[in-house]
Amino acid sequence: GALLSAIGIAGMSRLNEANVLAVSGRAIEAAG
């Protein structure tokens, strides 16, 4: 419960570091 939000935000941040902007968090999960 404490880390759930951080996991999602960090996932989007890692995508940004890869020079990709995700307009939808749903798309990151679907990519998996």
PDB file of all heavy atoms in Angstrom:
ATOM      1  N   GLY A   1       0.820  -1.209   0.000  1.00  0.00           N
ATOM      2  CA  GLY A   1       0.000   0.000   0.000  1.00  0.00           C
ATOM      3  C   GLY A   1       0.852   1.256   0.000  1.00  0.00           C
ATOM      4  O   GLY A   1       0.518   2.248  -0.648  1.00  0.00           O
ATOM      5  N   ALA A   2       1.971   1.211   0.719  1.00  0.00           N
ATOM      6  CA  ALA A   2       2.857   2.373   0.791  1.00  0.00           C
ATOM      7  C   ALA A   2       3.631   2.581  -0.497  1.00  0.00           C
ATOM      8  O   ALA A   2       3.956   3.712  -0.863  1.00  0.00           O
ATOM      9  CB  ALA A   2       3.835   2.203   1.956  1.00  0.00           C
ATOM     10  N   LEU A   3       3.929   1.489  -1.198  1.00  0.00           N
ATOM     11  CA  LEU A   3       4.814   1.577  -2.373  1.00  0.00           C
ATOM     12  C   LEU A   3       4.075   1.550  -3.706  1.00  0.00           C
ATOM     13  O   LEU A   3       4.679   1.766  -4.744  1.00  0.00           O
ATOM     14  CB  LEU A   3       5.828   0.427  -2.343  1.00  0.00           C
ATOM     15  CG  LEU A   3       6.762   0.396  -1.131  1.00  0.00           C
ATOM     16  CD1 LEU A   3       7.609  -0.870  -1.162  1.00  0.00           C
ATOM     17  CD2 LEU A   3       7.660   1.630  -1.109  1.00  0.00           C
ATOM     18  N   LEU A   4       2.770   1.288  -3.674  1.00  0.00           N
ATOM     19  CA  LEU A   4       2.024   1.109  -4.925  1.00  0.00           C
ATOM     20  C   LEU A   4       2.100   2.332  -5.824  1.00  0.00           C
ATOM     21  O   LEU A   4       2.373   2.231  -7.013  1.00  0.00           O
ATOM     22  CB  LEU A   4       0.557   0.782  -4.599  1.00  0.00           C
ATOM     23  CG  LEU A   4      -0.342   0.424  -5.781  1.00  0.00           C
ATOM     24  CD1 LEU A   4       0.210  -0.777  -6.529  1.00  0.00           C
ATOM     25  CD2 LEU A   4      -1.756   0.151  -5.306  1.00  0.00           C
ATOM     26  N   SER A   5       1.857   3.499  -5.263  1.00  0.00           N
ATOM     27  CA  SER A   5       1.894   4.732  -6.055  1.00  0.00           C
ATOM     28  C   SER A   5       3.295   4.998  -6.587  1.00  0.00           C
ATOM     29  O   SER A   5       3.473   5.386  -7.743  1.00  0.00           O
ATOM     30  CB  SER A   5       1.417   5.914  -5.214  1.00  0.00           C
ATOM     31  OG  SER A   5       1.456   7.108  -5.959  1.00  0.00           O
ATOM     32  N   ALA A   6       4.311   4.771  -5.736  1.00  0.00           N
ATOM     33  CA  ALA A   6       5.699   5.010  -6.154  1.00  0.00           C
ATOM     34  C   ALA A   6       6.088   4.101  -7.313  1.00  0.00           C
ATOM     35  O   ALA A   6       6.815   4.512  -8.219  1.00  0.00           O
ATOM     36  CB  ALA A   6       6.641   4.791  -4.975  1.00  0.00           C
ATOM     37  N   ILE A   7       5.601   2.849  -7.304  1.00  0.00           N
ATOM     38  CA  ILE A   7       5.919   1.908  -8.383  1.00  0.00           C
ATOM     39  C   ILE A   7       5.396   2.438  -9.712  1.00  0.00           C
ATOM     40  O   ILE A   7       6.093   2.426 -10.725  1.00  0.00           O
ATOM     41  CB  ILE A   7       5.324   0.521  -8.081  1.00  0.00           C
ATOM     42  CG1 ILE A   7       6.014  -0.113  -6.875  1.00  0.00           C
ATOM     43  CG2 ILE A   7       5.467  -0.413  -9.289  1.00  0.00           C
ATOM     44  CD1 ILE A   7       5.315  -1.354  -6.348  1.00  0.00           C
ATOM     45  N   GLY A   8       4.134   2.905  -9.711  1.00  0.00           N
ATOM     46  CA  GLY A   8       3.542   3.422 -10.946  1.00  0.00           C
ATOM     47  C   GLY A   8       4.233   4.671 -11.445  1.00  0.00           C
ATOM     48  O   GLY A   8       4.528   4.801 -12.639  1.00  0.00           O
ATOM     49  N   ILE A   9       4.517   5.610 -10.539  1.00  0.00           N
ATOM     50  CA  ILE A   9       5.190   6.855 -10.938  1.00  0.00           C
ATOM     51  C   ILE A   9       6.590   6.562 -11.448  1.00  0.00           C
ATOM     52  O   ILE A   9       7.035   7.126 -12.448  1.00  0.00           O
ATOM     53  CB  ILE A   9       5.242   7.836  -9.750  1.00  0.00           C
ATOM     54  CG1 ILE A   9       3.816   8.258  -9.348  1.00  0.00           C
ATOM     55  CG2 ILE A   9       6.072   9.066 -10.098  1.00  0.00           C
ATOM     56  CD1 ILE A   9       3.751   9.067  -8.074  1.00  0.00           C
ATOM     57  N   ALA A  10       7.301   5.650 -10.766  1.00  0.00           N
ATOM     58  CA  ALA A  10       8.664   5.305 -11.187  1.00  0.00           C
ATOM     59  C   ALA A  10       8.664   4.647 -12.555  1.00  0.00           C
ATOM     60  O   ALA A  10       9.586   4.849 -13.355  1.00  0.00           O
ATOM     61  CB  ALA A  10       9.315   4.382 -10.155  1.00  0.00           C
ATOM     62  N   GLY A  11       7.617   3.850 -12.853  1.00  0.00           N
ATOM     63  CA  GLY A  11       7.525   3.226 -14.179  1.00  0.00           C
ATOM     64  C   GLY A  11       7.426   4.265 -15.268  1.00  0.00           C
ATOM     65  O   GLY A  11       8.099   4.177 -16.308  1.00  0.00           O
ATOM     66  N   MET A  12       6.601   5.284 -15.068  1.00  0.00           N
ATOM     67  CA  MET A  12       6.477   6.363 -16.049  1.00  0.00           C
ATOM     68  C   MET A  12       7.778   7.153 -16.139  1.00  0.00           C
ATOM     69  O   MET A  12       8.179   7.590 -17.219  1.00  0.00           O
ATOM     70  CB  MET A  12       5.320   7.282 -15.680  1.00  0.00           C
ATOM     71  CG  MET A  12       3.957   6.604 -15.740  1.00  0.00           C
ATOM     72  SD  MET A  12       2.570   7.755 -15.652  1.00  0.00           S
ATOM     73  CE  MET A  12       2.643   8.491 -17.283  1.00  0.00           C
ATOM     74  N   SER A  13       8.446   7.324 -15.002  1.00  0.00           N
ATOM     75  CA  SER A  13       9.713   8.055 -14.992  1.00  0.00           C
ATOM     76  C   SER A  13      10.779   7.304 -15.789  1.00  0.00           C
ATOM     77  O   SER A  13      11.545   7.906 -16.541  1.00  0.00           O
ATOM     78  CB  SER A  13      10.183   8.266 -13.547  1.00  0.00           C
ATOM     79  OG  SER A  13      11.419   8.939 -13.519  1.00  0.00           O
ATOM     80  N   ARG A  14      10.826   5.959 -15.637  1.00  0.00           N
ATOM     81  CA  ARG A  14      11.797   5.171 -16.405  1.00  0.00           C
ATOM     82  C   ARG A  14      11.510   5.282 -17.896  1.00  0.00           C
ATOM     83  O   ARG A  14      12.431   5.303 -18.712  1.00  0.00           O
ATOM     84  CB  ARG A  14      11.759   3.706 -15.961  1.00  0.00           C
ATOM     85  CG  ARG A  14      12.432   3.438 -14.643  1.00  0.00           C
ATOM     86  CD  ARG A  14      12.681   1.946 -14.424  1.00  0.00           C
ATOM     87  NE  ARG A  14      11.445   1.202 -14.323  1.00  0.00           N
ATOM     88  CZ  ARG A  14      10.762   1.041 -13.197  1.00  0.00           C
ATOM     89  NH1 ARG A  14      11.191   1.598 -12.067  1.00  0.00           N
ATOM     90  NH2 ARG A  14       9.655   0.332 -13.170  1.00  0.00           N
ATOM     91  N   LEU A  15      10.235   5.370 -18.247  1.00  0.00           N
ATOM     92  CA  LEU A  15       9.877   5.525 -19.652  1.00  0.00           C
ATOM     93  C   LEU A  15      10.331   6.887 -20.161  1.00  0.00           C
ATOM     94  O   LEU A  15      10.851   7.009 -21.285  1.00  0.00           O
ATOM     95  CB  LEU A  15       8.365   5.376 -19.824  1.00  0.00           C
ATOM     96  CG  LEU A  15       7.884   5.004 -21.224  1.00  0.00           C
ATOM     97  CD1 LEU A  15       8.367   3.618 -21.612  1.00  0.00           C
ATOM     98  CD2 LEU A  15       6.370   5.054 -21.304  1.00  0.00           C
ATOM     99  N   ASN A  16      10.175   7.923 -19.338  1.00  0.00           N
ATOM    100  CA  ASN A  16      10.647   9.258 -19.721  1.00  0.00           C
ATOM    101  C   ASN A  16      12.155   9.273 -19.908  1.00  0.00           C
ATOM    102  O   ASN A  16      12.679   9.939 -20.806  1.00  0.00           O
ATOM    103  CB  ASN A  16      10.247  10.282 -18.658  1.00  0.00           C
ATOM    104  CG  ASN A  16       8.751  10.528 -18.619  1.00  0.00           C
ATOM    105  OD1 ASN A  16       8.086  10.434 -19.642  1.00  0.00           O
ATOM    106  ND2 ASN A  16       8.213  10.820 -17.451  1.00  0.00           N
ATOM    107  N   GLU A  17      12.870   8.534 -19.048  1.00  0.00           N
ATOM    108  CA  GLU A  17      14.320   8.461 -19.167  1.00  0.00           C
ATOM    109  C   GLU A  17      14.735   7.764 -20.456  1.00  0.00           C
ATOM    110  O   GLU A  17      15.834   7.989 -20.974  1.00  0.00           O
ATOM    111  CB  GLU A  17      14.906   7.732 -17.959  1.00  0.00           C
ATOM    112  CG  GLU A  17      14.809   8.527 -16.662  1.00  0.00           C
ATOM    113  CD  GLU A  17      15.170   7.696 -15.444  1.00  0.00           C
ATOM    114  OE1 GLU A  17      15.514   6.510 -15.620  1.00  0.00           O
ATOM    115  OE2 GLU A  17      15.113   8.238 -14.325  1.00  0.00           O
ATOM    116  N   ALA A  18      13.852   6.904 -20.976  1.00  0.00           N
ATOM    117  CA  ALA A  18      14.118   6.237 -22.259  1.00  0.00           C
ATOM    118  C   ALA A  18      13.704   7.123 -23.432  1.00  0.00           C
ATOM    119  O   ALA A  18      13.685   6.677 -24.574  1.00  0.00           O
ATOM    120  CB  ALA A  18      13.370   4.905 -22.326  1.00  0.00           C
ATOM    121  N   ASN A  19      13.369   8.391 -23.151  1.00  0.00           N
ATOM    122  CA  ASN A  19      12.974   9.369 -24.164  1.00  0.00           C
ATOM    123  C   ASN A  19      11.632   9.036 -24.801  1.00  0.00           C
ATOM    124  O   ASN A  19      11.416   9.271 -25.989  1.00  0.00           O
ATOM    125  CB  ASN A  19      14.050   9.518 -25.244  1.00  0.00           C
ATOM    126  CG  ASN A  19      14.676  10.891 -25.228  1.00  0.00           C
ATOM    127  OD1 ASN A  19      14.435  11.677 -24.311  1.00  0.00           O
ATOM    128  ND2 ASN A  19      15.475  11.198 -26.231  1.00  0.00           N
ATOM    129  N   VAL A  20      10.747   8.454 -23.997  1.00  0.00           N
ATOM    130  CA  VAL A  20       9.390   8.162 -24.469  1.00  0.00           C
ATOM    131  C   VAL A  20       8.405   8.812 -23.499  1.00  0.00           C
ATOM    132  O   VAL A  20       8.521   8.642 -22.291  1.00  0.00           O
ATOM    133  CB  VAL A  20       9.121   6.641 -24.536  1.00  0.00           C
ATOM    134  CG1 VAL A  20       7.686   6.365 -24.963  1.00  0.00           C
ATOM    135  CG2 VAL A  20      10.089   5.975 -25.496  1.00  0.00           C
ATOM    136  N   LEU A  21       7.461   9.557 -24.043  1.00  0.00           N
ATOM    137  CA  LEU A  21       6.416  10.161 -23.225  1.00  0.00           C
ATOM    138  C   LEU A  21       5.172   9.293 -23.306  1.00  0.00           C
ATOM    139  O   LEU A  21       4.648   9.034 -24.386  1.00  0.00           O
ATOM    140  CB  LEU A  21       6.080  11.571 -23.710  1.00  0.00           C
ATOM    141  CG  LEU A  21       4.869  12.224 -23.020  1.00  0.00           C
ATOM    142  CD1 LEU A  21       5.184  12.511 -21.572  1.00  0.00           C
ATOM    143  CD2 LEU A  21       4.451  13.485 -23.741  1.00  0.00           C
ATOM    144  N   ALA A  22       4.705   8.815 -22.156  1.00  0.00           N
ATOM    145  CA  ALA A  22       3.483   8.019 -22.111  1.00  0.00           C
ATOM    146  C   ALA A  22       2.325   8.928 -21.729  1.00  0.00           C
ATOM    147  O   ALA A  22       2.320   9.524 -20.654  1.00  0.00           O
ATOM    148  CB  ALA A  22       3.615   6.889 -21.093  1.00  0.00           C
ATOM    149  N   VAL A  23       1.371   9.067 -22.623  1.00  0.00           N
ATOM    150  CA  VAL A  23       0.203   9.881 -22.343  1.00  0.00           C
ATOM    151  C   VAL A  23      -0.760   9.122 -21.435  1.00  0.00           C
ATOM    152  O   VAL A  23      -1.594   9.698 -20.780  1.00  0.00           O
ATOM    153  CB  VAL A  23      -0.499  10.277 -23.666  1.00  0.00           C
ATOM    154  CG1 VAL A  23      -1.713  11.151 -23.418  1.00  0.00           C
ATOM    155  CG2 VAL A  23       0.482  10.999 -24.575  1.00  0.00           C
ATOM    156  N   SER A  24      -0.595   7.791 -21.377  1.00  0.00           N
ATOM    157  CA  SER A  24      -1.488   6.952 -20.585  1.00  0.00           C
ATOM    158  C   SER A  24      -0.685   5.923 -19.806  1.00  0.00           C
ATOM    159  O   SER A  24       0.138   5.205 -20.379  1.00  0.00           O
ATOM    160  CB  SER A  24      -2.488   6.238 -21.507  1.00  0.00           C
ATOM    161  OG  SER A  24      -3.103   5.157 -20.853  1.00  0.00           O
ATOM    162  N   GLY A  25      -0.934   5.856 -18.474  1.00  0.00           N
ATOM    163  CA  GLY A  25      -0.291   4.827 -17.666  1.00  0.00           C
ATOM    164  C   GLY A  25      -0.778   3.450 -18.049  1.00  0.00           C
ATOM    165  O   GLY A  25      -0.049   2.457 -17.938  1.00  0.00           O
ATOM    166  N   ARG A  26      -2.026   3.356 -18.532  1.00  0.00           N
ATOM    167  CA  ARG A  26      -2.589   2.091 -18.980  1.00  0.00           C
ATOM    168  C   ARG A  26      -1.731   1.498 -20.105  1.00  0.00           C
ATOM    169  O   ARG A  26      -1.548   0.287 -20.189  1.00  0.00           O
ATOM    170  CB  ARG A  26      -4.014   2.315 -19.473  1.00  0.00           C
ATOM    171  CG  ARG A  26      -4.733   1.053 -19.925  1.00  0.00           C
ATOM    172  CD  ARG A  26      -5.972   1.429 -20.717  1.00  0.00           C
ATOM    173  NE  ARG A  26      -6.918   2.180 -19.917  1.00  0.00           N
ATOM    174  CZ  ARG A  26      -7.997   1.652 -19.372  1.00  0.00           C
ATOM    175  NH1 ARG A  26      -8.256   0.377 -19.523  1.00  0.00           N
ATOM    176  NH2 ARG A  26      -8.824   2.397 -18.671  1.00  0.00           N
ATOM    177  N   ALA A  27      -1.204   2.376 -20.974  1.00  0.00           N
ATOM    178  CA  ALA A  27      -0.411   1.896 -22.110  1.00  0.00           C
ATOM    179  C   ALA A  27       0.882   1.229 -21.654  1.00  0.00           C
ATOM    180  O   ALA A  27       1.342   0.272 -22.270  1.00  0.00           O
ATOM    181  CB  ALA A  27      -0.086   3.056 -23.052  1.00  0.00           C
ATOM    182  N   ILE A  28       1.486   1.725 -20.563  1.00  0.00           N
ATOM    183  CA  ILE A  28       2.724   1.119 -20.065  1.00  0.00           C
ATOM    184  C   ILE A  28       2.450  -0.306 -19.609  1.00  0.00           C
ATOM    185  O   ILE A  28       3.220  -1.222 -19.891  1.00  0.00           O
ATOM    186  CB  ILE A  28       3.314   1.946 -18.901  1.00  0.00           C
ATOM    187  CG1 ILE A  28       3.524   3.397 -19.316  1.00  0.00           C
ATOM    188  CG2 ILE A  28       4.636   1.349 -18.440  1.00  0.00           C
ATOM    189  CD1 ILE A  28       4.027   4.279 -18.204  1.00  0.00           C
ATOM    190  N   GLU A  29       1.349  -0.499 -18.888  1.00  0.00           N
ATOM    191  CA  GLU A  29       1.013  -1.845 -18.431  1.00  0.00           C
ATOM    192  C   GLU A  29       0.685  -2.759 -19.608  1.00  0.00           C
ATOM    193  O   GLU A  29       1.085  -3.921 -19.637  1.00  0.00           O
ATOM    194  CB  GLU A  29      -0.165  -1.788 -17.464  1.00  0.00           C
ATOM    195  CG  GLU A  29       0.196  -1.154 -16.141  1.00  0.00           C
ATOM    196  CD  GLU A  29      -0.910  -1.326 -15.112  1.00  0.00           C
ATOM    197  OE1 GLU A  29      -2.038  -1.665 -15.505  1.00  0.00           O
ATOM    198  OE2 GLU A  29      -0.636  -1.126 -13.924  1.00  0.00           O
ATOM    199  N   ALA A  30      -0.070  -2.218 -20.584  1.00  0.00           N
ATOM    200  CA  ALA A  30      -0.414  -3.021 -21.755  1.00  0.00           C
ATOM    201  C   ALA A  30       0.842  -3.431 -22.513  1.00  0.00           C
ATOM    202  O   ALA A  30       0.906  -4.525 -23.088  1.00  0.00           O
ATOM    203  CB  ALA A  30      -1.356  -2.238 -22.668  1.00  0.00           C
ATOM    204  N   ALA A  31       1.863  -2.563 -22.507  1.00  0.00           N
ATOM    205  CA  ALA A  31       3.115  -2.874 -23.205  1.00  0.00           C
ATOM    206  C   ALA A  31       3.766  -4.122 -22.628  1.00  0.00           C
ATOM    207  O   ALA A  31       4.476  -4.838 -23.337  1.00  0.00           O
ATOM    208  CB  ALA A  31       4.078  -1.686 -23.114  1.00  0.00           C
ATOM    209  N   GLY A  32       3.531  -4.376 -21.355  1.00  0.00           N
ATOM    210  CA  GLY A  32       4.107  -5.564 -20.746  1.00  0.00           C
ATOM    211  C   GLY A  32       3.477  -6.853 -21.231  1.00  0.00           C
ATOM    212  O   GLY A  32       4.023  -7.934 -20.997  1.00  0.00           O
TER     213      GLY A  32
END
